[in-house]
Amino acid sequence: MFSDFIKKLMFTRKFYMNKGAIEILNRKHVLLSSSILSSLQNKTMYNEMKKVAQQDIHEYCNIFGSKRQDLIKNIENIFNMYGLGMLELKNVDFQKNDVKLCLYNSTIAHNNGFTEGCNCKMAAGILAGIFSYLFDNNIDCEEIKCYSKGDEYCEFILKKEEKQ
C-alpha cells in the first residue's frame, strides 16, 4: 500500500517505476538493502544526504505549490518515503529553529543490531537537509537516542548550526 504522499506524486506524474527504473521528481532512484546503506554511513554521507534532501524538499514545494511552513504538515509523510522509518514530530519551533523528533522502526538501526553509540547518520543528514530548507537556515541534526543502543526508538534534536 502506498502512502498518501506517494499517491500524490503518482497523481502528478512525479513517481514512476518502469522498465527497471525508479524515478521520483524527474530524478533516477535506486533501491538498496539497508545493509549496504549501513556500511556507507559516515560524516561525508551526512553532508551529502543533507544537501540532496534540501534539493528534494525544494522540488516538493515547487511541484505542490507549498510554502515552507505549509510543508511541515506533510513532513512525516515525505520523510517516510525515504524508507528509513516512521517519523514523528514532537516539537517544532520556527522562531528558534529548533526541532525534536522521534524515528520509530529505523531501518538502519535495526540492520546494525546492538552498538555502543547512535548510528543513524543517513537519517540525521536527511532531517538536517529538510529542516535547513524549511527554516531557510543551516540546521544541524544530532541523534541523542538510538534503537541500536537499546533505546525504544531513535530521537533527534535539530538546531541552528553553530559557526565554527
Protein backbone atom coordinates (compact mmCIF):
# COMPACT_ATOMS: atom_id res chain seq x y z
CA MET A 1 0.00 0.00 0.00
CA PHE A 2 1.37 3.41 -0.96
CA SER A 3 1.36 6.38 1.42
CA ASP A 4 -0.78 9.39 0.59
CA PHE A 5 2.36 11.28 -0.33
CA ILE A 6 3.47 8.63 -2.84
CA LYS A 7 -0.06 8.62 -4.29
CA LYS A 8 0.17 12.41 -4.70
CA LEU A 9 3.50 12.01 -6.51
CA MET A 10 1.98 9.34 -8.75
CA PHE A 11 -1.07 11.51 -9.47
CA THR A 12 1.15 14.43 -10.52
CA ARG A 13 3.26 12.02 -12.60
CA LYS A 14 6.34 12.57 -10.46
CA PHE A 15 6.76 8.92 -9.39
CA TYR A 16 7.44 6.18 -11.92
CA MET A 17 8.55 2.57 -11.75
CA ASN A 18 9.02 1.47 -15.34
CA LYS A 19 11.48 -0.60 -17.42
CA GLY A 20 13.77 -1.28 -14.49
CA ALA A 21 13.95 2.35 -13.39
CA ILE A 22 12.54 4.22 -10.42
CA GLU A 23 12.05 7.92 -10.99
CA ILE A 24 10.89 10.44 -8.40
CA LEU A 25 10.69 14.13 -9.23
CA ASN A 26 12.39 13.51 -12.57
CA ARG A 27 15.45 12.00 -10.85
CA LYS A 28 16.54 8.37 -11.01
CA HIS A 29 16.47 6.45 -7.71
CA VAL A 30 17.87 3.09 -6.67
CA LEU A 31 16.53 0.72 -4.05
CA LEU A 32 19.37 -0.69 -1.94
CA SER A 33 19.28 -3.02 1.01
CA SER A 34 19.69 -1.46 4.44
CA SER A 35 22.91 -3.45 4.98
CA ILE A 36 24.53 -1.69 2.01
CA LEU A 37 23.37 1.70 3.25
CA SER A 38 24.58 0.97 6.79
CA SER A 39 28.06 0.20 5.54
CA LEU A 40 28.24 3.57 3.75
CA GLN A 41 27.41 5.78 6.75
CA ASN A 42 29.98 8.41 7.71
CA LYS A 43 30.29 12.20 8.03
CA THR A 44 30.57 12.60 4.26
CA MET A 45 27.28 10.74 3.79
CA TYR A 46 25.64 13.00 6.40
CA ASN A 47 26.69 16.11 4.44
CA GLU A 48 25.69 14.65 1.07
CA MET A 49 22.30 13.47 2.34
CA LYS A 50 21.72 16.92 3.85
CA LYS A 51 22.43 18.58 0.50
CA VAL A 52 20.24 16.16 -1.51
CA ALA A 53 17.35 16.38 0.98
CA GLN A 54 17.40 20.19 0.70
CA GLN A 55 17.12 19.87 -3.08
CA ASP A 56 14.32 17.29 -2.80
CA ILE A 57 12.25 19.33 -0.37
CA HIS A 58 12.69 22.44 -2.55
CA GLU A 59 11.39 20.40 -5.50
CA TYR A 60 8.36 19.20 -3.49
CA CYS A 61 7.49 22.80 -2.64
CA ASN A 62 7.71 23.81 -6.29
CA ILE A 63 5.60 20.90 -7.53
CA PHE A 64 2.85 21.19 -4.93
CA GLY A 65 2.90 24.98 -4.68
CA SER A 66 3.62 24.86 -0.96
CA LYS A 67 5.27 27.44 1.21
CA ARG A 68 7.99 26.27 3.57
CA GLN A 69 5.85 26.49 6.70
CA ASP A 70 2.90 24.77 4.98
CA LEU A 71 5.08 21.79 4.14
CA ILE A 72 5.57 20.95 7.82
CA LYS A 73 2.10 19.35 7.78
CA ASN A 74 3.38 16.73 5.32
CA ILE A 75 6.93 16.34 6.58
CA GLU A 76 6.28 12.98 8.26
CA ASN A 77 4.89 11.53 5.01
CA ILE A 78 7.73 12.99 2.97
CA PHE A 79 10.38 11.54 5.29
CA ASN A 80 8.65 8.16 5.44
CA MET A 81 9.01 7.98 1.65
CA TYR A 82 12.77 7.53 2.13
CA GLY A 83 12.06 4.17 3.80
CA LEU A 84 14.22 4.91 6.83
CA GLY A 85 11.48 4.50 9.44
CA MET A 86 8.40 6.25 10.75
CA LEU A 87 8.95 9.87 11.76
CA GLU A 88 7.02 11.64 14.50
CA LEU A 89 7.48 15.35 15.18
CA LYS A 90 7.49 16.14 18.90
CA ASN A 91 8.28 19.84 18.90
CA VAL A 92 8.88 22.38 16.12
CA ASP A 93 9.83 25.96 16.98
CA PHE A 94 10.10 28.17 13.88
CA GLN A 95 11.28 31.15 15.96
CA LYS A 96 14.26 29.33 17.48
CA ASN A 97 14.83 26.95 14.54
CA ASP A 98 14.61 24.02 16.98
CA VAL A 99 13.06 20.61 16.36
CA LYS A 100 12.73 17.48 18.46
CA LEU A 101 11.52 14.31 16.77
CA CYS A 102 11.42 10.55 17.08
CA LEU A 103 12.13 7.90 14.48
CA TYR A 104 10.43 4.57 15.04
CA ASN A 105 11.38 1.36 13.26
CA SER A 106 14.66 2.84 11.98
CA THR A 107 15.80 0.71 9.05
CA ILE A 108 19.48 1.48 9.67
CA ALA A 109 19.37 0.95 13.44
CA HIS A 110 17.53 -2.37 13.07
CA ASN A 111 20.05 -3.53 10.48
CA ASN A 112 23.09 -2.63 12.59
CA GLY A 113 21.99 -4.52 15.67
CA PHE A 114 23.42 -3.51 19.06
CA THR A 115 26.08 -0.78 19.01
CA GLU A 116 27.71 1.43 21.60
CA GLY A 117 26.64 4.71 20.03
CA CYS A 118 23.99 6.26 17.86
CA ASN A 119 24.38 5.32 14.21
CA CYS A 120 21.59 6.76 12.05
CA LYS A 121 23.79 9.28 10.20
CA MET A 122 21.85 8.92 6.97
CA ALA A 123 18.54 9.77 8.63
CA ALA A 124 20.22 12.64 10.51
CA GLY A 125 21.58 14.07 7.25
CA ILE A 126 18.19 13.88 5.54
CA LEU A 127 16.50 15.54 8.51
CA ALA A 128 19.14 18.29 8.62
CA GLY A 129 18.55 18.95 4.92
CA ILE A 130 14.78 19.01 5.19
CA PHE A 131 14.76 21.41 8.13
CA SER A 132 17.57 23.58 6.69
CA TYR A 133 15.24 24.20 3.77
CA LEU A 134 12.11 24.65 5.89
CA PHE A 135 13.81 27.10 8.26
CA ASP A 136 15.85 28.77 5.47
CA ASN A 137 18.86 28.37 7.73
CA ASN A 138 21.75 25.94 8.17
CA ILE A 139 20.41 23.30 10.59
CA ASP A 140 22.42 20.53 12.24
CA CYS A 141 20.92 17.26 13.46
CA GLU A 142 22.14 15.24 16.43
CA GLU A 143 20.86 11.78 17.32
CA ILE A 144 20.52 11.52 21.10
CA LYS A 145 18.79 8.14 21.38
CA CYS A 146 19.14 5.13 19.11
CA TYR A 147 17.41 1.79 18.82
CA SER A 148 20.86 0.24 18.21
CA LYS A 149 21.94 1.33 21.71
CA GLY A 150 18.93 -0.37 23.24
CA ASP A 151 16.61 2.64 23.25
CA GLU A 152 12.97 2.08 22.30
CA TYR A 153 13.31 4.46 19.30
CA CYS A 154 15.76 6.93 17.78
CA GLU A 155 15.45 10.55 18.85
CA PHE A 156 16.92 13.59 17.14
CA ILE A 157 17.45 17.23 18.10
CA LEU A 158 17.81 19.76 15.30
CA LYS A 159 19.22 23.24 15.91
CA LYS A 160 20.72 26.11 14.01
CA GLU A 161 24.27 25.08 13.11
CA GLU A 162 26.90 26.76 15.25
CA LYS A 163 29.50 28.76 13.31
CA GLN A 164 32.98 27.47 13.93
